Amino acid sequence: MAQEKTFITISTGDHEDLFFKEQEQEKIRKLRKKAAQESNQKYREEHKNHCFRCGTPSLAEISYGTVKIDVCINDQCGAVHLDPGELEAILKDRDSIEKVRKAVFSIFK
């Protein structure tokens, strides 16, 4: 009885290359994400008290209760800046609208 020989060809090159390529792409994605976050954080720190409208570093913070509003004290601007959720907090308490209005306009007196 003759034995039949079976040959198995294992090609690892393509699969290994694909695996390492995917690993490298994932590392690159993570590095890009981290660099973007650091850049964004650095920009925020550098422009923390700058007015979004006129660009000058002239924001003053006014607070009543839990609501804090940033107002530009530049003579030519006077913009009012609200952080996320502050408008909703103001609208929940109708009395605070009058307090905020008085606070904003008291800066210009």
PDB file of N, CA and C in Angstrom:
ATOM      1  N   MET A   1       0.835  -1.162   0.000  1.00  0.00           N
ATOM      2  CA  MET A   1       0.000   0.000   0.000  1.00  0.00           C
ATOM      3  C   MET A   1       0.893   1.244   0.000  1.00  0.00           C
ATOM      4  N   ALA A   2       0.647   2.075  -0.908  1.00  0.00           N
ATOM      5  CA  ALA A   2       1.434   3.295  -1.019  1.00  0.00           C
ATOM      6  C   ALA A   2       0.810   4.387  -0.164  1.00  0.00           C
ATOM      7  N   GLN A   3       1.652   5.060   0.537  1.00  0.00           N
ATOM      8  CA  GLN A   3       1.151   6.157   1.369  1.00  0.00           C
ATOM      9  C   GLN A   3       1.000   7.410   0.517  1.00  0.00           C
ATOM     10  N   GLU A   4      -0.104   8.062   0.742  1.00  0.00           N
ATOM     11  CA  GLU A   4      -0.333   9.311   0.049  1.00  0.00           C
ATOM     12  C   GLU A   4       0.255  10.441   0.867  1.00  0.00           C
ATOM     13  N   LYS A   5       0.980  11.276   0.228  1.00  0.00           N
ATOM     14  CA  LYS A   5       1.569  12.410   0.922  1.00  0.00           C
ATOM     15  C   LYS A   5       0.696  13.632   0.674  1.00  0.00           C
ATOM     16  N   THR A   6       0.440  14.323   1.729  1.00  0.00           N
ATOM     17  CA  THR A   6      -0.342  15.545   1.629  1.00  0.00           C
ATOM     18  C   THR A   6       0.570  16.722   1.951  1.00  0.00           C
ATOM     19  N   PHE A   7       0.535  17.680   1.090  1.00  0.00           N
ATOM     20  CA  PHE A   7       1.353  18.881   1.309  1.00  0.00           C
ATOM     21  C   PHE A   7       0.451  20.041   1.697  1.00  0.00           C
ATOM     22  N   ILE A   8       0.872  20.713   2.716  1.00  0.00           N
ATOM     23  CA  ILE A   8       0.132  21.902   3.174  1.00  0.00           C
ATOM     24  C   ILE A   8       1.069  23.095   3.023  1.00  0.00           C
ATOM     25  N   THR A   9       0.590  24.079   2.343  1.00  0.00           N
ATOM     26  CA  THR A   9       1.380  25.290   2.174  1.00  0.00           C
ATOM     27  C   THR A   9       0.810  26.360   3.096  1.00  0.00           C
ATOM     28  N   ILE A  10       1.671  26.846   3.965  1.00  0.00           N
ATOM     29  CA  ILE A  10       1.247  27.900   4.896  1.00  0.00           C
ATOM     30  C   ILE A  10       1.909  29.192   4.452  1.00  0.00           C
ATOM     31  N   SER A  11       1.094  30.120   4.102  1.00  0.00           N
ATOM     32  CA  SER A  11       1.587  31.428   3.679  1.00  0.00           C
ATOM     33  C   SER A  11       1.313  32.414   4.798  1.00  0.00           C
ATOM     34  N   THR A  12       2.359  32.780   5.509  1.00  0.00           N
ATOM     35  CA  THR A  12       2.171  33.679   6.656  1.00  0.00           C
ATOM     36  C   THR A  12       2.506  35.115   6.317  1.00  0.00           C
ATOM     37  N   GLY A  13       3.229  35.320   5.249  1.00  0.00           N
ATOM     38  CA  GLY A  13       3.684  36.668   4.919  1.00  0.00           C
ATOM     39  C   GLY A  13       2.555  37.669   4.770  1.00  0.00           C
ATOM     40  N   ASP A  14       1.536  37.335   4.010  1.00  0.00           N
ATOM     41  CA  ASP A  14       0.448  38.272   3.756  1.00  0.00           C
ATOM     42  C   ASP A  14      -0.348  38.559   5.022  1.00  0.00           C
ATOM     43  N   HIS A  15      -0.635  37.524   5.804  1.00  0.00           N
ATOM     44  CA  HIS A  15      -1.421  37.710   7.014  1.00  0.00           C
ATOM     45  C   HIS A  15      -0.646  38.495   8.067  1.00  0.00           C
ATOM     46  N   GLU A  16       0.638  38.187   8.181  1.00  0.00           N
ATOM     47  CA  GLU A  16       1.461  38.918   9.144  1.00  0.00           C
ATOM     48  C   GLU A  16       1.590  40.375   8.749  1.00  0.00           C
ATOM     49  N   ASP A  17       1.824  40.612   7.489  1.00  0.00           N
ATOM     50  CA  ASP A  17       1.933  41.990   7.012  1.00  0.00           C
ATOM     51  C   ASP A  17       0.644  42.761   7.270  1.00  0.00           C
ATOM     52  N   LEU A  18      -0.466  42.132   7.004  1.00  0.00           N
ATOM     53  CA  LEU A  18      -1.762  42.764   7.235  1.00  0.00           C
ATOM     54  C   LEU A  18      -1.972  43.052   8.711  1.00  0.00           C
ATOM     55  N   PHE A  19      -1.625  42.099   9.573  1.00  0.00           N
ATOM     56  CA  PHE A  19      -1.779  42.273  11.020  1.00  0.00           C
ATOM     57  C   PHE A  19      -0.952  43.461  11.510  1.00  0.00           C
ATOM     58  N   PHE A  20       0.323  43.507  11.127  1.00  0.00           N
ATOM     59  CA  PHE A  20       1.189  44.589  11.588  1.00  0.00           C
ATOM     60  C   PHE A  20       0.799  45.931  10.983  1.00  0.00           C
ATOM     61  N   LYS A  21       0.305  45.904   9.776  1.00  0.00           N
ATOM     62  CA  LYS A  21      -0.164  47.143   9.155  1.00  0.00           C
ATOM     63  C   LYS A  21      -1.363  47.702   9.918  1.00  0.00           C
ATOM     64  N   GLU A  22      -2.289  46.831  10.308  1.00  0.00           N
ATOM     65  CA  GLU A  22      -3.444  47.267  11.098  1.00  0.00           C
ATOM     66  C   GLU A  22      -3.010  47.794  12.459  1.00  0.00           C
ATOM     67  N   GLN A  23      -2.039  47.138  13.084  1.00  0.00           N
ATOM     68  CA  GLN A  23      -1.524  47.590  14.374  1.00  0.00           C
ATOM     69  C   GLN A  23      -0.902  48.981  14.254  1.00  0.00           C
ATOM     70  N   GLU A  24      -0.119  49.183  13.210  1.00  0.00           N
ATOM     71  CA  GLU A  24       0.512  50.483  12.995  1.00  0.00           C
ATOM     72  C   GLU A  24      -0.530  51.572  12.733  1.00  0.00           C
ATOM     73  N   GLN A  25      -1.552  51.252  11.963  1.00  0.00           N
ATOM     74  CA  GLN A  25      -2.605  52.222  11.682  1.00  0.00           C
ATOM     75  C   GLN A  25      -3.345  52.602  12.957  1.00  0.00           C
ATOM     76  N   GLU A  26      -3.582  51.642  13.823  1.00  0.00           N
ATOM     77  CA  GLU A  26      -4.256  51.931  15.095  1.00  0.00           C
ATOM     78  C   GLU A  26      -3.390  52.833  15.970  1.00  0.00           C
ATOM     79  N   LYS A  27      -2.087  52.566  16.012  1.00  0.00           N
ATOM     80  CA  LYS A  27      -1.176  53.418  16.782  1.00  0.00           C
ATOM     81  C   LYS A  27      -1.174  54.839  16.235  1.00  0.00           C
ATOM     82  N   ILE A  28      -1.172  54.972  14.920  1.00  0.00           N
ATOM     83  CA  ILE A  28      -1.183  56.298  14.288  1.00  0.00           C
ATOM     84  C   ILE A  28      -2.475  57.031  14.619  1.00  0.00           C
ATOM     85  N   ARG A  29      -3.614  56.333  14.584  1.00  0.00           N
ATOM     86  CA  ARG A  29      -4.904  56.954  14.935  1.00  0.00           C
ATOM     87  C   ARG A  29      -4.875  57.478  16.367  1.00  0.00           C
ATOM     88  N   LYS A  30      -4.347  56.662  17.289  1.00  0.00           N
ATOM     89  CA  LYS A  30      -4.283  57.070  18.695  1.00  0.00           C
ATOM     90  C   LYS A  30      -3.367  58.270  18.884  1.00  0.00           C
ATOM     91  N   LEU A  31      -2.230  58.266  18.199  1.00  0.00           N
ATOM     92  CA  LEU A  31      -1.303  59.394  18.307  1.00  0.00           C
ATOM     93  C   LEU A  31      -1.911  60.677  17.745  1.00  0.00           C
ATOM     94  N   ARG A  32      -2.620  60.566  16.635  1.00  0.00           N
ATOM     95  CA  ARG A  32      -3.265  61.752  16.051  1.00  0.00           C
ATOM     96  C   ARG A  32      -4.358  62.290  16.971  1.00  0.00           C
ATOM     97  N   LYS A  33      -5.115  61.384  17.568  1.00  0.00           N
ATOM     98  CA  LYS A  33      -6.175  61.802  18.487  1.00  0.00           C
ATOM     99  C   LYS A  33      -5.581  62.506  19.702  1.00  0.00           C
ATOM    100  N   LYS A  34      -4.515  61.946  20.253  1.00  0.00           N
ATOM    101  CA  LYS A  34      -3.862  62.548  21.409  1.00  0.00           C
ATOM    102  C   LYS A  34      -3.284  63.921  21.057  1.00  0.00           C
ATOM    103  N   ALA A  35      -2.648  64.041  19.889  1.00  0.00           N
ATOM    104  CA  ALA A  35      -2.080  65.316  19.457  1.00  0.00           C
ATOM    105  C   ALA A  35      -3.166  66.361  19.266  1.00  0.00           C
ATOM    106  N   ALA A  36      -4.306  65.966  18.713  1.00  0.00           N
ATOM    107  CA  ALA A  36      -5.418  66.905  18.521  1.00  0.00           C
ATOM    108  C   ALA A  36      -5.972  67.382  19.864  1.00  0.00           C
ATOM    109  N   GLN A  37      -6.088  66.469  20.818  1.00  0.00           N
ATOM    110  CA  GLN A  37      -6.594  66.843  22.137  1.00  0.00           C
ATOM    111  C   GLN A  37      -5.630  67.799  22.838  1.00  0.00           C
ATOM    112  N   GLU A  38      -4.331  67.515  22.748  1.00  0.00           N
ATOM    113  CA  GLU A  38      -3.344  68.391  23.376  1.00  0.00           C
ATOM    114  C   GLU A  38      -3.339  69.768  22.725  1.00  0.00           C
ATOM    115  N   SER A  39      -3.453  69.799  21.415  1.00  0.00           N
ATOM    116  CA  SER A  39      -3.483  71.067  20.697  1.00  0.00           C
ATOM    117  C   SER A  39      -4.723  71.869  21.075  1.00  0.00           C
ATOM    118  N   ASN A  40      -5.853  71.192  21.163  1.00  0.00           N
ATOM    119  CA  ASN A  40      -7.103  71.842  21.539  1.00  0.00           C
ATOM    120  C   ASN A  40      -7.013  72.396  22.956  1.00  0.00           C
ATOM    121  N   GLN A  41      -6.447  71.622  23.876  1.00  0.00           N
ATOM    122  CA  GLN A  41      -6.302  72.056  25.264  1.00  0.00           C
ATOM    123  C   GLN A  41      -5.366  73.257  25.353  1.00  0.00           C
ATOM    124  N   LYS A  42      -4.267  73.221  24.617  1.00  0.00           N
ATOM    125  CA  LYS A  42      -3.313  74.334  24.618  1.00  0.00           C
ATOM    126  C   LYS A  42      -3.985  75.605  24.099  1.00  0.00           C
ATOM    127  N   TYR A  43      -4.762  75.481  23.036  1.00  0.00           N
ATOM    128  CA  TYR A  43      -5.466  76.640  22.473  1.00  0.00           C
ATOM    129  C   TYR A  43      -6.437  77.220  23.489  1.00  0.00           C
ATOM    130  N   ARG A  44      -7.172  76.343  24.174  1.00  0.00           N
ATOM    131  CA  ARG A  44      -8.134  76.816  25.188  1.00  0.00           C
ATOM    132  C   ARG A  44      -7.431  77.566  26.311  1.00  0.00           C
ATOM    133  N   GLU A  45      -6.286  77.043  26.761  1.00  0.00           N
ATOM    134  CA  GLU A  45      -5.560  77.698  27.845  1.00  0.00           C
ATOM    135  C   GLU A  45      -5.017  79.056  27.408  1.00  0.00           C
ATOM    136  N   GLU A  46      -4.514  79.140  26.176  1.00  0.00           N
ATOM    137  CA  GLU A  46      -3.971  80.403  25.674  1.00  0.00           C
ATOM    138  C   GLU A  46      -5.048  81.466  25.470  1.00  0.00           C
ATOM    139  N   HIS A  47      -6.272  81.046  25.171  1.00  0.00           N
ATOM    140  CA  HIS A  47      -7.349  81.988  24.867  1.00  0.00           C
ATOM    141  C   HIS A  47      -8.461  81.950  25.903  1.00  0.00           C
ATOM    142  N   LYS A  48      -8.117  81.609  27.130  1.00  0.00           N
ATOM    143  CA  LYS A  48      -9.117  81.403  28.181  1.00  0.00           C
ATOM    144  C   LYS A  48      -9.992  82.628  28.416  1.00  0.00           C
ATOM    145  N   ASN A  49      -9.409  83.789  28.538  1.00  0.00           N
ATOM    146  CA  ASN A  49     -10.188  84.991  28.852  1.00  0.00           C
ATOM    147  C   ASN A  49     -10.345  85.921  27.661  1.00  0.00           C
ATOM    148  N   HIS A  50     -10.255  85.375  26.447  1.00  0.00           N
ATOM    149  CA  HIS A  50     -10.436  86.198  25.260  1.00  0.00           C
ATOM    150  C   HIS A  50     -11.900  86.203  24.833  1.00  0.00           C
ATOM    151  N   CYS A  51     -12.341  87.353  24.398  1.00  0.00           N
ATOM    152  CA  CYS A  51     -13.702  87.495  23.887  1.00  0.00           C
ATOM    153  C   CYS A  51     -13.797  86.807  22.532  1.00  0.00           C
ATOM    154  N   PHE A  52     -14.867  86.067  22.330  1.00  0.00           N
ATOM    155  CA  PHE A  52     -15.051  85.365  21.061  1.00  0.00           C
ATOM    156  C   PHE A  52     -15.428  86.327  19.934  1.00  0.00           C
ATOM    157  N   ARG A  53     -15.944  87.468  20.304  1.00  0.00           N
ATOM    158  CA  ARG A  53     -16.410  88.422  19.292  1.00  0.00           C
ATOM    159  C   ARG A  53     -15.291  89.355  18.835  1.00  0.00           C
ATOM    160  N   CYS A  54     -14.612  90.005  19.787  1.00  0.00           N
ATOM    161  CA  CYS A  54     -13.592  90.989  19.406  1.00  0.00           C
ATOM    162  C   CYS A  54     -12.168  90.456  19.539  1.00  0.00           C
ATOM    163  N   GLY A  55     -11.968  89.343  20.247  1.00  0.00           N
ATOM    164  CA  GLY A  55     -10.659  88.722  20.339  1.00  0.00           C
ATOM    165  C   GLY A  55      -9.741  89.270  21.407  1.00  0.00           C
ATOM    166  N   THR A  56     -10.165  90.280  22.124  1.00  0.00           N
ATOM    167  CA  THR A  56      -9.302  90.852  23.159  1.00  0.00           C
ATOM    168  C   THR A  56      -9.427  90.049  24.451  1.00  0.00           C
ATOM    169  N   PRO A  57      -8.360  90.034  25.266  1.00  0.00           N
ATOM    170  CA  PRO A  57      -8.418  89.318  26.552  1.00  0.00           C
ATOM    171  C   PRO A  57      -9.121  90.172  27.598  1.00  0.00           C
ATOM    172  N   SER A  58     -10.424  90.338  27.457  1.00  0.00           N
ATOM    173  CA  SER A  58     -11.135  91.280  28.314  1.00  0.00           C
ATOM    174  C   SER A  58     -12.449  90.725  28.856  1.00  0.00           C
ATOM    175  N   LEU A  59     -12.496  89.444  29.201  1.00  0.00           N
ATOM    176  CA  LEU A  59     -13.727  88.879  29.738  1.00  0.00           C
ATOM    177  C   LEU A  59     -13.754  88.996  31.258  1.00  0.00           C
ATOM    178  N   ALA A  60     -14.894  89.413  31.762  1.00  0.00           N
ATOM    179  CA  ALA A  60     -15.129  89.460  33.205  1.00  0.00           C
ATOM    180  C   ALA A  60     -16.258  88.492  33.519  1.00  0.00           C
ATOM    181  N   GLU A  61     -16.127  87.774  34.624  1.00  0.00           N
ATOM    182  CA  GLU A  61     -17.133  86.773  34.980  1.00  0.00           C
ATOM    183  C   GLU A  61     -18.062  87.328  36.052  1.00  0.00           C
ATOM    184  N   ILE A  62     -19.345  87.202  35.796  1.00  0.00           N
ATOM    185  CA  ILE A  62     -20.375  87.636  36.734  1.00  0.00           C
ATOM    186  C   ILE A  62     -21.139  86.402  37.162  1.00  0.00           C
ATOM    187  N   SER A  63     -21.329  86.235  38.462  1.00  0.00           N
ATOM    188  CA  SER A  63     -22.041  85.029  38.900  1.00  0.00           C
ATOM    189  C   SER A  63     -23.170  85.387  39.847  1.00  0.00           C
ATOM    190  N   TYR A  64     -24.263  84.697  39.651  1.00  0.00           N
ATOM    191  CA  TYR A  64     -25.426  84.757  40.540  1.00  0.00           C
ATOM    192  C   TYR A  64     -25.882  83.332  40.762  1.00  0.00           C
ATOM    193  N   GLY A  65     -25.733  82.852  41.969  1.00  0.00           N
ATOM    194  CA  GLY A  65     -26.109  81.475  42.254  1.00  0.00           C
ATOM    195  C   GLY A  65     -25.224  80.514  41.488  1.00  0.00           C
ATOM    196  N   THR A  66     -25.845  79.658  40.700  1.00  0.00           N
ATOM    197  CA  THR A  66     -25.082  78.668  39.940  1.00  0.00           C
ATOM    198  C   THR A  66     -24.733  79.141  38.540  1.00  0.00           C
ATOM    199  N   VAL A  67     -25.259  80.293  38.142  1.00  0.00           N
ATOM    200  CA  VAL A  67     -25.054  80.786  36.786  1.00  0.00           C
ATOM    201  C   VAL A  67     -23.879  81.764  36.763  1.00  0.00           C
ATOM    202  N   LYS A  68     -22.920  81.476  35.860  1.00  0.00           N
ATOM    203  CA  LYS A  68     -21.779  82.366  35.674  1.00  0.00           C
ATOM    204  C   LYS A  68     -21.762  82.805  34.214  1.00  0.00           C
ATOM    205  N   ILE A  69     -21.706  84.104  34.017  1.00  0.00           N
ATOM    206  CA  ILE A  69     -21.757  84.672  32.679  1.00  0.00           C
ATOM    207  C   ILE A  69     -20.483  85.460  32.440  1.00  0.00           C
ATOM    208  N   ASP A  70     -19.915  85.291  31.255  1.00  0.00           N
ATOM    209  CA  ASP A  70     -18.733  86.052  30.874  1.00  0.00           C
ATOM    210  C   ASP A  70     -19.176  87.233  30.023  1.00  0.00           C
ATOM    211  N   VAL A  71     -18.698  88.428  30.402  1.00  0.00           N
ATOM    212  CA  VAL A  71     -19.048  89.649  29.689  1.00  0.00           C
ATOM    213  C   VAL A  71     -17.757  90.324  29.240  1.00  0.00           C
ATOM    214  N   CYS A  72     -17.718  90.746  27.995  1.00  0.00           N
ATOM    215  CA  CYS A  72     -16.555  91.463  27.484  1.00  0.00           C
ATOM    216  C   CYS A  72     -16.633  92.902  27.975  1.00  0.00           C
ATOM    217  N   ILE A  73     -15.566  93.366  28.602  1.00  0.00           N
ATOM    218  CA  ILE A  73     -15.566  94.723  29.149  1.00  0.00           C
ATOM    219  C   ILE A  73     -14.889  95.714  28.204  1.00  0.00           C
ATOM    220  N   ASN A  74     -14.603  95.269  26.985  1.00  0.00           N
ATOM    221  CA  ASN A  74     -14.061  96.155  25.959  1.00  0.00           C
ATOM    222  C   ASN A  74     -15.124  97.185  25.598  1.00  0.00           C
ATOM    223  N   ASP A  75     -14.741  98.446  25.537  1.00  0.00           N
ATOM    224  CA  ASP A  75     -15.693  99.526  25.257  1.00  0.00           C
ATOM    225  C   ASP A  75     -16.425  99.346  23.933  1.00  0.00           C
ATOM    226  N   GLN A  76     -15.759  98.816  22.935  1.00  0.00           N
ATOM    227  CA  GLN A  76     -16.343  98.683  21.613  1.00  0.00           C
ATOM    228  C   GLN A  76     -17.150  97.392  21.433  1.00  0.00           C
ATOM    229  N   CYS A  77     -17.139  96.489  22.425  1.00  0.00           N
ATOM    230  CA  CYS A  77     -17.757  95.178  22.227  1.00  0.00           C
ATOM    231  C   CYS A  77     -18.957  94.959  23.164  1.00  0.00           C
ATOM    232  N   GLY A  78     -18.702  94.563  24.403  1.00  0.00           N
ATOM    233  CA  GLY A  78     -19.774  94.316  25.358  1.00  0.00           C
ATOM    234  C   GLY A  78     -20.509  92.999  25.163  1.00  0.00           C
ATOM    235  N   ALA A  79     -19.896  92.050  24.474  1.00  0.00           N
ATOM    236  CA  ALA A  79     -20.554  90.763  24.206  1.00  0.00           C
ATOM    237  C   ALA A  79     -20.765  89.964  25.487  1.00  0.00           C
ATOM    238  N   VAL A  80     -21.841  89.207  25.517  1.00  0.00           N
ATOM    239  CA  VAL A  80     -22.165  88.327  26.644  1.00  0.00           C
ATOM    240  C   VAL A  80     -21.948  86.898  26.176  1.00  0.00           C
ATOM    241  N   HIS A  81     -21.159  86.139  26.929  1.00  0.00           N
ATOM    242  CA  HIS A  81     -20.828  84.759  26.568  1.00  0.00           C
ATOM    243  C   HIS A  81     -21.430  83.801  27.581  1.00  0.00           C
ATOM    244  N   LEU A  82     -22.142  82.808  27.085  1.00  0.00           N
ATOM    245  CA  LEU A  82     -22.730  81.776  27.944  1.00  0.00           C
ATOM    246  C   LEU A  82     -22.047  80.453  27.678  1.00  0.00           C
ATOM    247  N   ASP A  83     -21.706  79.755  28.741  1.00  0.00           N
ATOM    248  CA  ASP A  83     -21.144  78.410  28.624  1.00  0.00           C
ATOM    249  C   ASP A  83     -22.280  77.426  28.394  1.00  0.00           C
ATOM    250  N   PRO A  84     -21.962  76.204  27.957  1.00  0.00           N
ATOM    251  CA  PRO A  84     -23.021  75.210  27.730  1.00  0.00           C
ATOM    252  C   PRO A  84     -23.874  74.989  28.981  1.00  0.00           C
ATOM    253  N   GLY A  85     -25.186  75.069  28.808  1.00  0.00           N
ATOM    254  CA  GLY A  85     -26.124  74.821  29.895  1.00  0.00           C
ATOM    255  C   GLY A  85     -26.522  76.057  30.680  1.00  0.00           C
ATOM    256  N   GLU A  86     -25.809  77.163  30.502  1.00  0.00           N
ATOM    257  CA  GLU A  86     -26.130  78.363  31.279  1.00  0.00           C
ATOM    258  C   GLU A  86     -27.439  79.000  30.846  1.00  0.00           C
ATOM    259  N   LEU A  87     -27.722  78.992  29.569  1.00  0.00           N
ATOM    260  CA  LEU A  87     -28.990  79.566  29.114  1.00  0.00           C
ATOM    261  C   LEU A  87     -30.162  78.792  29.699  1.00  0.00           C
ATOM    262  N   GLU A  88     -30.072  77.463  29.696  1.00  0.00           N
ATOM    263  CA  GLU A  88     -31.134  76.641  30.277  1.00  0.00           C
ATOM    264  C   GLU A  88     -31.291  76.915  31.766  1.00  0.00           C
ATOM    265  N   ALA A  89     -30.179  77.089  32.465  1.00  0.00           N
ATOM    266  CA  ALA A  89     -30.238  77.384  33.903  1.00  0.00           C
ATOM    267  C   ALA A  89     -30.890  78.738  34.154  1.00  0.00           C
ATOM    268  N   ILE A  90     -30.601  79.708  33.286  1.00  0.00           N
ATOM    269  CA  ILE A  90     -31.206  81.031  33.437  1.00  0.00           C
ATOM    270  C   ILE A  90     -32.708  80.961  33.175  1.00  0.00           C
ATOM    271  N   LEU A  91     -33.084  80.239  32.138  1.00  0.00           N
ATOM    272  CA  LEU A  91     -34.493  80.163  31.776  1.00  0.00           C
ATOM    273  C   LEU A  91     -35.328  79.371  32.785  1.00  0.00           C
ATOM    274  N   LYS A  92     -34.707  78.476  33.538  1.00  0.00           N
ATOM    275  CA  LYS A  92     -35.440  77.732  34.559  1.00  0.00           C
ATOM    276  C   LYS A  92     -35.931  78.651  35.662  1.00  0.00           C
ATOM    277  N   ASP A  93     -35.124  79.629  35.982  1.00  0.00           N
ATOM    278  CA  ASP A  93     -35.479  80.549  37.051  1.00  0.00           C
ATOM    279  C   ASP A  93     -35.690  81.934  36.443  1.00  0.00           C
ATOM    280  N   ARG A  94     -36.944  82.305  36.245  1.00  0.00           N
ATOM    281  CA  ARG A  94     -37.255  83.579  35.590  1.00  0.00           C
ATOM    282  C   ARG A  94     -36.737  84.777  36.384  1.00  0.00           C
ATOM    283  N   ASP A  95     -36.656  84.670  37.694  1.00  0.00           N
ATOM    284  CA  ASP A  95     -36.155  85.777  38.498  1.00  0.00           C
ATOM    285  C   ASP A  95     -34.662  86.020  38.232  1.00  0.00           C
ATOM    286  N   SER A  96     -33.954  84.981  37.903  1.00  0.00           N
ATOM    287  CA  SER A  96     -32.523  85.152  37.672  1.00  0.00           C
ATOM    288  C   SER A  96     -32.257  85.936  36.391  1.00  0.00           C
ATOM    289  N   ILE A  97     -33.201  85.946  35.461  1.00  0.00           N
ATOM    290  CA  ILE A  97     -33.026  86.720  34.231  1.00  0.00           C
ATOM    291  C   ILE A  97     -32.894  88.205  34.573  1.00  0.00           C
ATOM    292  N   GLU A  98     -33.730  88.670  35.447  1.00  0.00           N
ATOM    293  CA  GLU A  98     -33.663  90.075  35.849  1.00  0.00           C
ATOM    294  C   GLU A  98     -32.357  90.361  36.593  1.00  0.00           C
ATOM    295  N   LYS A  99     -31.923  89.434  37.441  1.00  0.00           N
ATOM    296  CA  LYS A  99     -30.663  89.610  38.175  1.00  0.00           C
ATOM    297  C   LYS A  99     -29.485  89.659  37.212  1.00  0.00           C
ATOM    298  N   VAL A 100     -29.493  88.784  36.242  1.00  0.00           N
ATOM    299  CA  VAL A 100     -28.404  88.751  35.266  1.00  0.00           C
ATOM    300  C   VAL A 100     -28.394  90.030  34.444  1.00  0.00           C
ATOM    301  N   ARG A 101     -29.562  90.474  34.027  1.00  0.00           N
ATOM    302  CA  ARG A 101     -29.640  91.708  33.247  1.00  0.00           C
ATOM    303  C   ARG A 101     -29.070  92.882  34.028  1.00  0.00           C
ATOM    304  N   LYS A 102     -29.440  92.982  35.300  1.00  0.00           N
ATOM    305  CA  LYS A 102     -28.915  94.061  36.145  1.00  0.00           C
ATOM    306  C   LYS A 102     -27.407  93.939  36.318  1.00  0.00           C
ATOM    307  N   ALA A 103     -26.931  92.721  36.482  1.00  0.00           N
ATOM    308  CA  ALA A 103     -25.492  92.510  36.666  1.00  0.00           C
ATOM    309  C   ALA A 103     -24.711  92.896  35.413  1.00  0.00           C
ATOM    310  N   VAL A 104     -25.248  92.520  34.263  1.00  0.00           N
ATOM    311  CA  VAL A 104     -24.566  92.834  33.008  1.00  0.00           C
ATOM    312  C   VAL A 104     -24.517  94.340  32.792  1.00  0.00           C
ATOM    313  N   PHE A 105     -25.634  95.000  33.003  1.00  0.00           N
ATOM    314  CA  PHE A 105     -25.674  96.432  32.749  1.00  0.00           C
ATOM    315  C   PHE A 105     -24.983  97.243  33.832  1.00  0.00           C
ATOM    316  N   SER A 106     -24.775  96.670  35.015  1.00  0.00           N
ATOM    317  CA  SER A 106     -24.079  97.395  36.083  1.00  0.00           C
ATOM    318  C   SER A 106     -22.607  97.580  35.745  1.00  0.00           C
ATOM    319  N   ILE A 107     -22.063  96.754  34.890  1.00  0.00           N
ATOM    320  CA  ILE A 107     -20.653  96.902  34.487  1.00  0.00           C
ATOM    321  C   ILE A 107     -20.468  98.185  33.696  1.00  0.00           C
ATOM    322  N   PHE A 108     -21.462  98.576  32.933  1.00  0.00           N
ATOM    323  CA  PHE A 108     -21.336  99.714  32.042  1.00  0.00           C
ATOM    324  C   PHE A 108     -21.733 101.041  32.681  1.00  0.00           C
ATOM    325  N   LYS A 109     -22.023 101.025  33.973  1.00  0.00           N
ATOM    326  CA  LYS A 109     -22.391 102.270  34.649  1.00  0.00           C
ATOM    327  C   LYS A 109     -21.172 102.998  35.128  1.00  0.00           C
TER     328      LYS A 109
END
